[in-house]
Every structure is written in structure tokens, then in C-alpha cells.
PDB file of N, CA and C in Angstrom:
ATOM      1  N   MET A   1     -41.796  10.108  17.382  1.00  0.00           N
ATOM      2  CA  MET A   1     -41.939  11.069  18.470  1.00  0.00           C
ATOM      3  C   MET A   1     -43.297  11.648  18.323  1.00  0.00           C
ATOM      4  N   ASP A   2     -44.170  11.822  19.197  1.00  0.00           N
ATOM      5  CA  ASP A   2     -45.220  12.634  18.750  1.00  0.00           C
ATOM      6  C   ASP A   2     -45.006  13.944  18.916  1.00  0.00           C
ATOM      7  N   ILE A   3     -45.457  14.780  17.915  1.00  0.00           N
ATOM      8  CA  ILE A   3     -45.116  16.107  18.565  1.00  0.00           C
ATOM      9  C   ILE A   3     -46.709  16.885  18.979  1.00  0.00           C
ATOM     10  N   LEU A   4     -46.054  17.587  19.984  1.00  0.00           N
ATOM     11  CA  LEU A   4     -47.408  18.193  21.081  1.00  0.00           C
ATOM     12  C   LEU A   4     -47.963  19.256  20.434  1.00  0.00           C
ATOM     13  N   SER A   5     -49.793  18.904  20.123  1.00  0.00           N
ATOM     14  CA  SER A   5     -49.998  20.555  19.519  1.00  0.00           C
ATOM     15  C   SER A   5     -50.432  21.082  20.871  1.00  0.00           C
ATOM     16  N   LEU A   6     -51.132  22.265  20.348  1.00  0.00           N
ATOM     17  CA  LEU A   6     -51.242  23.471  21.394  1.00  0.00           C
ATOM     18  C   LEU A   6     -52.666  22.690  22.328  1.00  0.00           C
ATOM     19  N   ASP A   7     -53.450  21.527  21.976  1.00  0.00           N
ATOM     20  CA  ASP A   7     -54.468  21.117  22.920  1.00  0.00           C
ATOM     21  C   ASP A   7     -53.433  20.061  23.684  1.00  0.00           C
ATOM     22  N   GLY A   8     -52.687  19.245  23.350  1.00  0.00           N
ATOM     23  CA  GLY A   8     -51.770  18.418  24.024  1.00  0.00           C
ATOM     24  C   GLY A   8     -51.020  19.243  25.129  1.00  0.00           C
ATOM     25  N   ILE A   9     -50.736  20.530  24.887  1.00  0.00           N
ATOM     26  CA  ILE A   9     -49.793  21.196  25.827  1.00  0.00           C
ATOM     27  C   ILE A   9     -50.633  21.637  27.089  1.00  0.00           C
ATOM     28  N   VAL A  10     -51.933  22.287  26.423  1.00  0.00           N
ATOM     29  CA  VAL A  10     -52.844  22.649  27.411  1.00  0.00           C
ATOM     30  C   VAL A  10     -53.343  21.601  28.442  1.00  0.00           C
ATOM     31  N   LYS A  11     -53.865  20.264  27.802  1.00  0.00           N
ATOM     32  CA  LYS A  11     -54.099  19.314  28.879  1.00  0.00           C
ATOM     33  C   LYS A  11     -53.132  19.002  29.645  1.00  0.00           C
ATOM     34  N   ILE A  12     -51.778  19.041  29.323  1.00  0.00           N
ATOM     35  CA  ILE A  12     -50.405  18.745  30.274  1.00  0.00           C
ATOM     36  C   ILE A  12     -50.366  19.786  31.561  1.00  0.00           C
ATOM     37  N   ILE A  13     -50.730  21.153  30.996  1.00  0.00           N
ATOM     38  CA  ILE A  13     -50.662  22.150  32.147  1.00  0.00           C
ATOM     39  C   ILE A  13     -51.837  21.974  33.033  1.00  0.00           C
ATOM     40  N   SER A  14     -53.134  21.658  32.292  1.00  0.00           N
ATOM     41  CA  SER A  14     -54.090  21.788  33.292  1.00  0.00           C
ATOM     42  C   SER A  14     -54.082  20.373  34.563  1.00  0.00           C
ATOM     43  N   ASN A  15     -53.575  19.120  33.661  1.00  0.00           N
ATOM     44  CA  ASN A  15     -53.659  18.352  34.694  1.00  0.00           C
ATOM     45  C   ASN A  15     -52.359  17.942  35.561  1.00  0.00           C
ATOM     46  N   PHE A  16     -50.876  18.786  34.990  1.00  0.00           N
ATOM     47  CA  PHE A  16     -49.890  18.396  35.988  1.00  0.00           C
ATOM     48  C   PHE A  16     -49.288  19.877  36.152  1.00  0.00           C
ATOM     49  N   GLY A  17     -49.778  20.707  35.623  1.00  0.00           N
ATOM     50  CA  GLY A  17     -49.321  21.890  35.914  1.00  0.00           C
ATOM     51  C   GLY A  17     -47.646  22.357  35.392  1.00  0.00           C
ATOM     52  N   ILE A  18     -47.408  23.213  35.570  1.00  0.00           N
ATOM     53  CA  ILE A  18     -45.572  23.980  34.974  1.00  0.00           C
ATOM     54  C   ILE A  18     -44.857  22.750  35.447  1.00  0.00           C
ATOM     55  N   PRO A  19     -44.723  22.044  36.185  1.00  0.00           N
ATOM     56  CA  PRO A  19     -43.632  20.767  36.050  1.00  0.00           C
ATOM     57  C   PRO A  19     -43.929  19.582  35.123  1.00  0.00           C
ATOM     58  N   GLY A  20     -45.330  19.210  35.076  1.00  0.00           N
ATOM     59  CA  GLY A  20     -45.554  18.351  34.492  1.00  0.00           C
ATOM     60  C   GLY A  20     -45.181  18.877  32.719  1.00  0.00           C
ATOM     61  N   LEU A  21     -45.216  19.886  32.398  1.00  0.00           N
ATOM     62  CA  LEU A  21     -44.845  20.354  31.522  1.00  0.00           C
ATOM     63  C   LEU A  21     -43.466  20.501  31.137  1.00  0.00           C
ATOM     64  N   VAL A  22     -42.886  20.786  31.848  1.00  0.00           N
ATOM     65  CA  VAL A  22     -41.116  20.745  32.038  1.00  0.00           C
ATOM     66  C   VAL A  22     -40.448  19.513  32.046  1.00  0.00           C
ATOM     67  N   LEU A  23     -41.345  18.526  32.672  1.00  0.00           N
ATOM     68  CA  LEU A  23     -40.777  16.992  32.640  1.00  0.00           C
ATOM     69  C   LEU A  23     -41.132  16.524  31.123  1.00  0.00           C
ATOM     70  N   VAL A  24     -42.541  16.830  30.642  1.00  0.00           N
ATOM     71  CA  VAL A  24     -42.701  15.946  29.117  1.00  0.00           C
ATOM     72  C   VAL A  24     -41.420  16.813  28.316  1.00  0.00           C
ATOM     73  N   LEU A  25     -41.360  18.289  28.262  1.00  0.00           N
ATOM     74  CA  LEU A  25     -40.463  18.822  27.369  1.00  0.00           C
ATOM     75  C   LEU A  25     -38.899  18.406  27.753  1.00  0.00           C
ATOM     76  N   TRP A  26     -38.454  18.124  28.930  1.00  0.00           N
ATOM     77  CA  TRP A  26     -37.260  17.629  29.332  1.00  0.00           C
ATOM     78  C   TRP A  26     -37.173  16.302  28.538  1.00  0.00           C
ATOM     79  N   TYR A  27     -38.407  15.297  28.716  1.00  0.00           N
ATOM     80  CA  TYR A  27     -38.170  13.868  28.015  1.00  0.00           C
ATOM     81  C   TYR A  27     -38.218  14.132  26.337  1.00  0.00           C
ATOM     82  N   LEU A  28     -39.023  14.961  25.890  1.00  0.00           N
ATOM     83  CA  LEU A  28     -38.621  15.243  24.251  1.00  0.00           C
ATOM     84  C   LEU A  28     -37.096  15.503  24.146  1.00  0.00           C
ATOM     85  N   SER A  29     -36.794  16.520  24.849  1.00  0.00           N
ATOM     86  CA  SER A  29     -35.720  16.729  24.590  1.00  0.00           C
ATOM     87  C   SER A  29     -34.411  15.899  24.803  1.00  0.00           C
ATOM     88  N   ASP A  30     -34.576  15.219  25.862  1.00  0.00           N
ATOM     89  CA  ASP A  30     -33.818  14.093  26.102  1.00  0.00           C
ATOM     90  C   ASP A  30     -33.853  12.972  24.854  1.00  0.00           C
ATOM     91  N   LYS A  31     -35.077  12.712  24.448  1.00  0.00           N
ATOM     92  CA  LYS A  31     -35.270  11.645  23.169  1.00  0.00           C
ATOM     93  C   LYS A  31     -34.596  12.488  21.998  1.00  0.00           C
ATOM     94  N   ALA A  32     -34.814  13.893  21.477  1.00  0.00           N
ATOM     95  CA  ALA A  32     -33.797  14.381  20.562  1.00  0.00           C
ATOM     96  C   ALA A  32     -32.341  14.280  20.527  1.00  0.00           C
ATOM     97  N   HIS A  33     -31.961  14.097  21.889  1.00  0.00           N
ATOM     98  CA  HIS A  33     -30.648  14.163  22.484  1.00  0.00           C
ATOM     99  C   HIS A  33     -30.152  12.773  21.960  1.00  0.00           C
ATOM    100  N   GLU A  34     -30.537  11.871  22.417  1.00  0.00           N
ATOM    101  CA  GLU A  34     -30.406  10.361  22.187  1.00  0.00           C
ATOM    102  C   GLU A  34     -30.366   9.980  20.577  1.00  0.00           C
ATOM    103  N   ARG A  35     -31.310  10.722  20.131  1.00  0.00           N
ATOM    104  CA  ARG A  35     -31.387  10.574  18.796  1.00  0.00           C
ATOM    105  C   ARG A  35     -30.291  11.342  17.918  1.00  0.00           C
ATOM    106  N   THR A  36     -29.871  12.221  18.221  1.00  0.00           N
ATOM    107  CA  THR A  36     -28.483  12.979  18.024  1.00  0.00           C
ATOM    108  C   THR A  36     -27.276  12.263  18.140  1.00  0.00           C
ATOM    109  N   LEU A  37     -27.286  11.566  19.514  1.00  0.00           N
ATOM    110  CA  LEU A  37     -26.224  11.022  19.895  1.00  0.00           C
ATOM    111  C   LEU A  37     -25.747   9.469  19.036  1.00  0.00           C
ATOM    112  N   ARG A  38     -26.978   8.690  18.668  1.00  0.00           N
ATOM    113  CA  ARG A  38     -27.151   7.796  17.687  1.00  0.00           C
ATOM    114  C   ARG A  38     -26.648   7.960  16.377  1.00  0.00           C
ATOM    115  N   GLN A  39     -26.960   9.190  15.706  1.00  0.00           N
ATOM    116  CA  GLN A  39     -26.598   9.575  14.747  1.00  0.00           C
ATOM    117  C   GLN A  39     -25.058   9.583  14.563  1.00  0.00           C
ATOM    118  N   TYR A  40     -24.688  10.369  15.296  1.00  0.00           N
ATOM    119  CA  TYR A  40     -23.089  10.512  15.450  1.00  0.00           C
ATOM    120  C   TYR A  40     -22.575   9.465  15.809  1.00  0.00           C
ATOM    121  N   ARG A  41     -23.008   8.634  16.599  1.00  0.00           N
ATOM    122  CA  ARG A  41     -21.966   7.186  16.744  1.00  0.00           C
ATOM    123  C   ARG A  41     -22.428   6.577  15.219  1.00  0.00           C
ATOM    124  N   GLU A  42     -23.085   6.425  14.753  1.00  0.00           N
ATOM    125  CA  GLU A  42     -23.179   5.796  13.533  1.00  0.00           C
ATOM    126  C   GLU A  42     -22.512   6.631  12.211  1.00  0.00           C
ATOM    127  N   ASN A  43     -22.129   7.520  12.261  1.00  0.00           N
ATOM    128  CA  ASN A  43     -21.110   8.552  11.471  1.00  0.00           C
ATOM    129  C   ASN A  43     -20.335   8.072  11.570  1.00  0.00           C
ATOM    130  N   MET A  44     -19.385   8.232  13.196  1.00  0.00           N
ATOM    131  CA  MET A  44     -18.127   7.897  13.642  1.00  0.00           C
ATOM    132  C   MET A  44     -17.768   6.615  13.103  1.00  0.00           C
ATOM    133  N   THR A  45     -18.800   5.625  13.123  1.00  0.00           N
ATOM    134  CA  THR A  45     -18.479   4.250  12.993  1.00  0.00           C
ATOM    135  C   THR A  45     -18.156   4.088  11.505  1.00  0.00           C
ATOM    136  N   ASP A  46     -18.965   5.266  10.811  1.00  0.00           N
ATOM    137  CA  ASP A  46     -18.698   4.776   9.453  1.00  0.00           C
ATOM    138  C   ASP A  46     -17.386   5.143   9.002  1.00  0.00           C
ATOM    139  N   GLN A  47     -17.122   6.867   9.549  1.00  0.00           N
ATOM    140  CA  GLN A  47     -15.928   7.581   9.332  1.00  0.00           C
ATOM    141  C   GLN A  47     -14.565   6.528   9.718  1.00  0.00           C
ATOM    142  N   ARG A  48     -14.880   5.682  10.937  1.00  0.00           N
ATOM    143  CA  ARG A  48     -13.661   4.485  11.242  1.00  0.00           C
ATOM    144  C   ARG A  48     -13.621   3.471  10.197  1.00  0.00           C
ATOM    145  N   ARG A  49     -14.546   2.849   9.753  1.00  0.00           N
ATOM    146  CA  ARG A  49     -14.619   2.026   8.780  1.00  0.00           C
ATOM    147  C   ARG A  49     -13.820   2.538   7.453  1.00  0.00           C
ATOM    148  N   ILE A  50     -14.174   3.498   6.888  1.00  0.00           N
ATOM    149  CA  ILE A  50     -13.562   4.072   5.621  1.00  0.00           C
ATOM    150  C   ILE A  50     -12.149   4.361   6.730  1.00  0.00           C
ATOM    151  N   TYR A  51     -11.779   4.661   7.333  1.00  0.00           N
ATOM    152  CA  TYR A  51     -10.423   5.135   8.047  1.00  0.00           C
ATOM    153  C   TYR A  51      -9.476   3.665   8.107  1.00  0.00           C
ATOM    154  N   GLU A  52      -9.799   2.868   8.413  1.00  0.00           N
ATOM    155  CA  GLU A  52      -9.447   1.516   8.858  1.00  0.00           C
ATOM    156  C   GLU A  52      -9.366   0.794   7.307  1.00  0.00           C
ATOM    157  N   ASP A  53     -10.488   0.954   6.304  1.00  0.00           N
ATOM    158  CA  ASP A  53     -10.151   0.528   5.140  1.00  0.00           C
ATOM    159  C   ASP A  53      -9.118   0.883   4.445  1.00  0.00           C
ATOM    160  N   GLY A  54      -9.060   2.644   4.442  1.00  0.00           N
ATOM    161  CA  GLY A  54      -7.457   3.219   4.114  1.00  0.00           C
ATOM    162  C   GLY A  54      -6.465   2.843   4.380  1.00  0.00           C
ATOM    163  N   LEU A  55      -6.269   2.263   5.379  1.00  0.00           N
ATOM    164  CA  LEU A  55      -5.201   2.080   5.973  1.00  0.00           C
ATOM    165  C   LEU A  55      -4.854   0.158   5.805  1.00  0.00           C
ATOM    166  N   LYS A  56      -6.052  -0.337   5.605  1.00  0.00           N
ATOM    167  CA  LYS A  56      -5.662  -1.801   4.944  1.00  0.00           C
ATOM    168  C   LYS A  56      -5.102  -1.751   3.464  1.00  0.00           C
ATOM    169  N   GLU A  57      -5.456  -0.555   2.839  1.00  0.00           N
ATOM    170  CA  GLU A  57      -4.661  -0.111   1.327  1.00  0.00           C
ATOM    171  C   GLU A  57      -3.476   0.408   1.484  1.00  0.00           C
ATOM    172  N   VAL A  58      -3.204   1.034   2.496  1.00  0.00           N
ATOM    173  CA  VAL A  58      -1.595   1.583   2.579  1.00  0.00           C
ATOM    174  C   VAL A  58      -0.960   0.710   2.848  1.00  0.00           C
ATOM    175  N   ARG A  59      -1.673  -0.690   4.186  1.00  0.00           N
ATOM    176  CA  ARG A  59      -0.467  -1.599   4.641  1.00  0.00           C
ATOM    177  C   ARG A  59      -0.282  -2.455   3.377  1.00  0.00           C
ATOM    178  N   GLN A  60      -1.006  -2.824   2.575  1.00  0.00           N
ATOM    179  CA  GLN A  60      -1.201  -3.724   1.121  1.00  0.00           C
ATOM    180  C   GLN A  60      -0.265  -3.137   0.233  1.00  0.00           C
ATOM    181  N   MET A  61      -0.086  -1.922   0.069  1.00  0.00           N
ATOM    182  CA  MET A  61       0.705  -1.077  -0.678  1.00  0.00           C
ATOM    183  C   MET A  61       1.884  -1.353  -0.405  1.00  0.00           C
ATOM    184  N   TYR A  62       2.165  -1.196   1.145  1.00  0.00           N
ATOM    185  CA  TYR A  62       3.907  -1.652   1.703  1.00  0.00           C
ATOM    186  C   TYR A  62       4.197  -2.873   1.514  1.00  0.00           C
ATOM    187  N   GLU A  63       3.243  -3.823   1.567  1.00  0.00           N
ATOM    188  CA  GLU A  63       3.506  -5.335   1.283  1.00  0.00           C
ATOM    189  C   GLU A  63       3.961  -5.606   0.044  1.00  0.00           C
ATOM    190  N   HIS A  64       3.075  -5.034  -0.916  1.00  0.00           N
ATOM    191  CA  HIS A  64       3.395  -5.141  -2.443  1.00  0.00           C
ATOM    192  C   HIS A  64       4.880  -4.879  -2.804  1.00  0.00           C
ATOM    193  N   ASN A  65       4.988  -3.213  -2.041  1.00  0.00           N
ATOM    194  CA  ASN A  65       6.070  -2.779  -2.452  1.00  0.00           C
ATOM    195  C   ASN A  65       7.626  -3.496  -1.916  1.00  0.00           C
ATOM    196  N   VAL A  66       7.448  -4.132  -0.415  1.00  0.00           N
ATOM    197  CA  VAL A  66       8.368  -4.992  -0.426  1.00  0.00           C
ATOM    198  C   VAL A  66       8.413  -6.385  -1.269  1.00  0.00           C
ATOM    199  N   LEU A  67       7.267  -7.048  -1.589  1.00  0.00           N
ATOM    200  CA  LEU A  67       7.654  -8.226  -2.748  1.00  0.00           C
ATOM    201  C   LEU A  67       8.341  -7.435  -3.831  1.00  0.00           C
ATOM    202  N   LEU A  68       7.994  -6.204  -4.409  1.00  0.00           N
ATOM    203  CA  LEU A  68       8.590  -5.760  -5.549  1.00  0.00           C
ATOM    204  C   LEU A  68      10.037  -5.629  -5.456  1.00  0.00           C
ATOM    205  N   VAL A  69      10.473  -5.300  -4.083  1.00  0.00           N
ATOM    206  CA  VAL A  69      11.954  -5.120  -3.879  1.00  0.00           C
ATOM    207  C   VAL A  69      13.020  -6.332  -3.804  1.00  0.00           C
ATOM    208  N   GLU A  70      12.278  -7.278  -3.102  1.00  0.00           N
ATOM    209  CA  GLU A  70      12.207  -8.725  -3.031  1.00  0.00           C
ATOM    210  C   GLU A  70      12.881  -8.979  -4.523  1.00  0.00           C
ATOM    211  N   ASN A  71      11.777  -9.141  -5.368  1.00  0.00           N
ATOM    212  CA  ASN A  71      11.842  -9.705  -6.697  1.00  0.00           C
ATOM    213  C   ASN A  71      13.047  -8.761  -7.519  1.00  0.00           C
ATOM    214  N   TYR A  72      13.180  -7.554  -7.242  1.00  0.00           N
ATOM    215  CA  TYR A  72      14.174  -6.636  -7.997  1.00  0.00           C
ATOM    216  C   TYR A  72      15.339  -7.196  -7.179  1.00  0.00           C
ATOM    217  N   GLN A  73      15.535  -7.139  -6.301  1.00  0.00           N
ATOM    218  CA  GLN A  73      17.064  -7.962  -5.706  1.00  0.00           C
ATOM    219  C   GLN A  73      17.171  -9.295  -6.370  1.00  0.00           C
ATOM    220  N   SER A  74      16.309 -10.230  -6.249  1.00  0.00           N
ATOM    221  CA  SER A  74      16.551 -11.270  -7.023  1.00  0.00           C
ATOM    222  C   SER A  74      17.040 -11.088  -8.663  1.00  0.00           C
ATOM    223  N   LEU A  75      16.487 -10.117  -9.268  1.00  0.00           N
ATOM    224  CA  LEU A  75      16.795 -10.142 -10.642  1.00  0.00           C
ATOM    225  C   LEU A  75      18.122  -9.290 -10.377  1.00  0.00           C
ATOM    226  N   ALA A  76      18.752  -8.668  -9.506  1.00  0.00           N
ATOM    227  CA  ALA A  76      19.696  -7.759  -9.574  1.00  0.00           C
ATOM    228  C   ALA A  76      20.903  -8.806  -9.136  1.00  0.00           C
ATOM    229  N   GLY A  77      20.648  -9.830  -8.439  1.00  0.00           N
ATOM    230  CA  GLY A  77      21.653 -10.877  -8.077  1.00  0.00           C
ATOM    231  C   GLY A  77      21.858 -11.706  -9.376  1.00  0.00           C
ATOM    232  N   ASP A  78      20.874 -11.782 -10.196  1.00  0.00           N
ATOM    233  CA  ASP A  78      20.951 -12.850 -11.688  1.00  0.00           C
ATOM    234  C   ASP A  78      21.288 -12.013 -12.278  1.00  0.00           C
ATOM    235  N   LEU A  79      21.476 -10.607 -12.406  1.00  0.00           N
ATOM    236  CA  LEU A  79      22.104  -9.567 -13.710  1.00  0.00           C
ATOM    237  C   LEU A  79      23.660  -9.660 -13.266  1.00  0.00           C
ATOM    238  N   LYS A  80      24.022  -9.716 -11.918  1.00  0.00           N
ATOM    239  CA  LYS A  80      25.340  -9.631 -11.372  1.00  0.00           C
ATOM    240  C   LYS A  80      26.151 -10.918 -12.279  1.00  0.00           C
ATOM    241  N   ASP A  81      25.288 -12.220 -11.648  1.00  0.00           N
ATOM    242  CA  ASP A  81      26.167 -13.506 -12.169  1.00  0.00           C
ATOM    243  C   ASP A  81      26.129 -13.382 -13.831  1.00  0.00           C
ATOM    244  N   ILE A  82      25.372 -12.846 -14.652  1.00  0.00           N
ATOM    245  CA  ILE A  82      25.448 -12.749 -16.084  1.00  0.00           C
ATOM    246  C   ILE A  82      26.384 -11.511 -16.460  1.00  0.00           C
ATOM    247  N   ILE A  83      26.631 -10.592 -15.720  1.00  0.00           N
ATOM    248  CA  ILE A  83      27.572  -9.643 -16.162  1.00  0.00           C
ATOM    249  C   ILE A  83      29.037 -10.572 -15.564  1.00  0.00           C
ATOM    250  N   VAL A  84      29.442 -10.949 -14.477  1.00  0.00           N
ATOM    251  CA  VAL A  84      30.422 -11.554 -14.147  1.00  0.00           C
ATOM    252  C   VAL A  84      30.925 -12.828 -15.291  1.00  0.00           C
ATOM    253  N   MET A  85      30.160 -13.398 -15.723  1.00  0.00           N
ATOM    254  CA  MET A  85      30.202 -14.417 -16.642  1.00  0.00           C
ATOM    255  C   MET A  85      30.706 -13.722 -17.979  1.00  0.00           C
ATOM    256  N   ASN A  86      29.943 -12.631 -18.125  1.00  0.00           N
ATOM    257  CA  ASN A  86      30.081 -12.000 -19.668  1.00  0.00           C
ATOM    258  C   ASN A  86      31.878 -11.350 -19.354  1.00  0.00           C
ATOM    259  N   THR A  87      31.916 -10.940 -18.367  1.00  0.00           N
ATOM    260  CA  THR A  87      33.618 -10.492 -18.406  1.00  0.00           C
ATOM    261  C   THR A  87      34.262 -11.332 -18.235  1.00  0.00           C
ATOM    262  N   GLN A  88      34.248 -12.686 -17.714  1.00  0.00           N
ATOM    263  CA  GLN A  88      35.177 -13.532 -17.935  1.00  0.00           C
ATOM    264  C   GLN A  88      35.497 -14.151 -19.438  1.00  0.00           C
ATOM    265  N   THR A  89      34.607 -13.960 -19.861  1.00  0.00           N
ATOM    266  CA  THR A  89      34.446 -14.656 -21.145  1.00  0.00           C
ATOM    267  C   THR A  89      35.236 -13.658 -21.922  1.00  0.00           C
ATOM    268  N   ILE A  90      35.036 -12.519 -22.048  1.00  0.00           N
ATOM    269  CA  ILE A  90      35.369 -11.182 -22.618  1.00  0.00           C
ATOM    270  C   ILE A  90      37.108 -11.363 -22.653  1.00  0.00           C
ATOM    271  N   THR A  91      37.343 -11.846 -21.240  1.00  0.00           N
ATOM    272  CA  THR A  91      38.691 -11.874 -20.743  1.00  0.00           C
ATOM    273  C   THR A  91      39.604 -12.818 -21.587  1.00  0.00           C
ATOM    274  N   ARG A  92      38.919 -13.984 -21.481  1.00  0.00           N
ATOM    275  CA  ARG A  92      38.987 -15.223 -22.400  1.00  0.00           C
ATOM    276  C   ARG A  92      39.548 -14.973 -23.966  1.00  0.00           C
ATOM    277  N   VAL A  93      38.488 -14.266 -24.176  1.00  0.00           N
ATOM    278  CA  VAL A  93      38.736 -13.762 -25.721  1.00  0.00           C
ATOM    279  C   VAL A  93      39.707 -12.384 -25.814  1.00  0.00           C
ATOM    280  N   CYS A  94      39.815 -11.786 -24.832  1.00  0.00           N
ATOM    281  CA  CYS A  94      40.903 -10.515 -24.942  1.00  0.00           C
ATOM    282  C   CYS A  94      42.530 -11.186 -24.874  1.00  0.00           C
ATOM    283  N   ASP A  95      42.525 -12.512 -23.991  1.00  0.00           N
ATOM    284  CA  ASP A  95      43.782 -13.268 -24.143  1.00  0.00           C
ATOM    285  C   ASP A  95      44.034 -14.152 -24.992  1.00  0.00           C
ATOM    286  N   ASP A  96      43.257 -14.502 -25.875  1.00  0.00           N
ATOM    287  CA  ASP A  96      43.541 -15.486 -27.046  1.00  0.00           C
ATOM    288  C   ASP A  96      43.299 -14.519 -28.298  1.00  0.00           C
ATOM    289  N   VAL A  97      42.989 -13.339 -28.283  1.00  0.00           N
ATOM    290  CA  VAL A  97      43.562 -12.316 -29.066  1.00  0.00           C
ATOM    291  C   VAL A  97      44.525 -12.002 -29.022  1.00  0.00           C
ATOM    292  N   ASN A  98      45.358 -11.456 -27.698  1.00  0.00           N
ATOM    293  CA  ASN A  98      46.426 -10.899 -27.556  1.00  0.00           C
ATOM    294  C   ASN A  98      47.630 -12.332 -28.077  1.00  0.00           C
ATOM    295  N   ARG A  99      47.474 -13.736 -27.842  1.00  0.00           N
ATOM    296  CA  ARG A  99      48.176 -14.672 -28.125  1.00  0.00           C
ATOM    297  C   ARG A  99      47.899 -14.965 -29.397  1.00  0.00           C
ATOM    298  N   ASN A 100      47.143 -14.382 -30.641  1.00  0.00           N
ATOM    299  CA  ASN A 100      46.939 -14.814 -31.692  1.00  0.00           C
ATOM    300  C   ASN A 100      46.715 -16.211 -32.371  1.00  0.00           C
ATOM    301  N   GLN A 101      46.189 -16.914 -31.233  1.00  0.00           N
ATOM    302  CA  GLN A 101      45.864 -18.445 -31.708  1.00  0.00           C
ATOM    303  C   GLN A 101      44.967 -18.570 -32.672  1.00  0.00           C
ATOM    304  N   TYR A 102      44.386 -17.319 -33.033  1.00  0.00           N
ATOM    305  CA  TYR A 102      43.033 -17.914 -34.117  1.00  0.00           C
ATOM    306  C   TYR A 102      43.484 -17.259 -35.625  1.00  0.00           C
ATOM    307  N   CYS A 103      44.724 -16.744 -35.506  1.00  0.00           N
ATOM    308  CA  CYS A 103      45.219 -16.316 -37.036  1.00  0.00           C
ATOM    309  C   CYS A 103      46.203 -17.511 -37.407  1.00  0.00           C
ATOM    310  N   PRO A 104      45.651 -18.026 -38.633  1.00  0.00           N
ATOM    311  CA  PRO A 104      46.121 -18.961 -39.655  1.00  0.00           C
ATOM    312  C   PRO A 104      47.762 -18.594 -39.529  1.00  0.00           C
ATOM    313  N   MET A 105      47.766 -17.255 -40.230  1.00  0.00           N
ATOM    314  CA  MET A 105      49.365 -17.070 -40.430  1.00  0.00           C
ATOM    315  C   MET A 105      50.693 -17.266 -39.286  1.00  0.00           C
ATOM    316  N   VAL A 106      49.830 -16.801 -37.947  1.00  0.00           N
ATOM    317  CA  VAL A 106      50.611 -16.588 -36.724  1.00  0.00           C
ATOM    318  C   VAL A 106      50.860 -17.933 -36.199  1.00  0.00           C
ATOM    319  N   ARG A 107      49.552 -18.857 -36.085  1.00  0.00           N
ATOM    320  CA  ARG A 107      49.966 -20.277 -36.170  1.00  0.00           C
ATOM    321  C   ARG A 107      51.141 -21.102 -37.028  1.00  0.00           C
ATOM    322  N   LEU A 108      50.943 -20.808 -38.505  1.00  0.00           N
ATOM    323  CA  LEU A 108      52.088 -21.167 -38.949  1.00  0.00           C
ATOM    324  C   LEU A 108      53.361 -20.969 -38.865  1.00  0.00           C
ATOM    325  N   LYS A 109      53.790 -19.582 -38.650  1.00  0.00           N
ATOM    326  CA  LYS A 109      54.851 -19.155 -37.755  1.00  0.00           C
ATOM    327  C   LYS A 109      55.364 -20.087 -36.637  1.00  0.00           C
ATOM    328  N   LYS A 110      54.207 -20.162 -35.932  1.00  0.00           N
ATOM    329  CA  LYS A 110      54.889 -20.660 -34.382  1.00  0.00           C
ATOM    330  C   LYS A 110      55.262 -21.842 -34.512  1.00  0.00           C
ATOM    331  N   ASP A 111      54.612 -22.585 -35.731  1.00  0.00           N
ATOM    332  CA  ASP A 111      54.768 -24.159 -35.902  1.00  0.00           C
ATOM    333  C   ASP A 111      56.129 -24.659 -36.730  1.00  0.00           C
ATOM    334  N   ALA A 112      56.328 -23.351 -37.840  1.00  0.00           N
ATOM    335  CA  ALA A 112      57.377 -23.524 -38.644  1.00  0.00           C
ATOM    336  C   ALA A 112      58.603 -23.426 -37.865  1.00  0.00           C
ATOM    337  N   THR A 113      59.799 -24.024 -38.168  1.00  0.00           N
ATOM    338  CA  THR A 113      60.987 -24.379 -37.349  1.00  0.00           C
ATOM    339  C   THR A 113      62.070 -24.044 -38.406  1.00  0.00           C
ATOM    340  N   GLY A 114      63.276 -23.474 -38.366  1.00  0.00           N
ATOM    341  CA  GLY A 114      64.074 -23.031 -38.724  1.00  0.00           C
ATOM    342  C   GLY A 114      64.093 -21.472 -39.022  1.00  0.00           C
ATOM    343  N   ARG A 115      64.804 -21.058 -40.398  1.00  0.00           N
ATOM    344  CA  ARG A 115      64.880 -19.745 -40.402  1.00  0.00           C
ATOM    345  C   ARG A 115      63.681 -19.315 -41.347  1.00  0.00           C
ATOM    346  N   GLU A 116      63.144 -18.089 -41.272  1.00  0.00           N
ATOM    347  CA  GLU A 116      61.981 -17.564 -42.099  1.00  0.00           C
ATOM    348  C   GLU A 116      62.489 -16.646 -42.433  1.00  0.00           C
ATOM    349  N   ALA A 117      61.763 -16.319 -43.891  1.00  0.00           N
ATOM    350  CA  ALA A 117      61.976 -15.297 -45.034  1.00  0.00           C
ATOM    351  C   ALA A 117      61.111 -14.006 -44.668  1.00  0.00           C
TER     352      ALA A 117
END
């Protein structure tokens, strides 16, 4: 945009009068307004892009959290299976201890026939 000097303003007034000066000033004001609007649009476009990038990050965070929960659920299921197997094994060990099948003295007593001293 060309900035009008005092000589330019005097020429416009002498050639076109006050209405010509008003039109020129209106034109220059309109150009400045267009520049301001263009800059505003660019800024808003940048802000929207930043906002959308932030939303993408939040969406990815939630998707990763879902994967984490699914993996934890699978791990918890495996842990449950291990606990069930350990409980069964401990139950068998308790039954065997209560029946005293592993003590050689008890096995000898059970195998012995007749009167024991």
C-alpha cells in the first residue's frame, strides 16, 4: 500500500475534491481492514490446527489406555488361572499330608498286619 504524502493528498483534493479524498481514504481503510481480516483468519487457522493436534494427542492417549486395559485384563485372566492351579496343588498337598502317605513310619504301620507294640 502506498502511503499518501501531503502532496498526494493535495493533488487528490484539487482533482477530485472532498468526495475523491473520502473515496481514497475509504479504499485505504478497506485494504487495511482486509489485511487485518486475513491475519485474523491465519491466526484462527493456526489456533484450530493446534487445537486439533491436541485433540489427536488426547484421542491417542485414550486409545493407548484402552490397549493397556485390554492387556491388563488378559494378564489378570492368566493370573487367575495360575492362582486356581496353585490352589488345587496346595489342596492335594494338604490332603496328602492329612493322610500321611509320605511318612515312612505311617506307611509301615498301615502295611503291618497283626498286633503292633
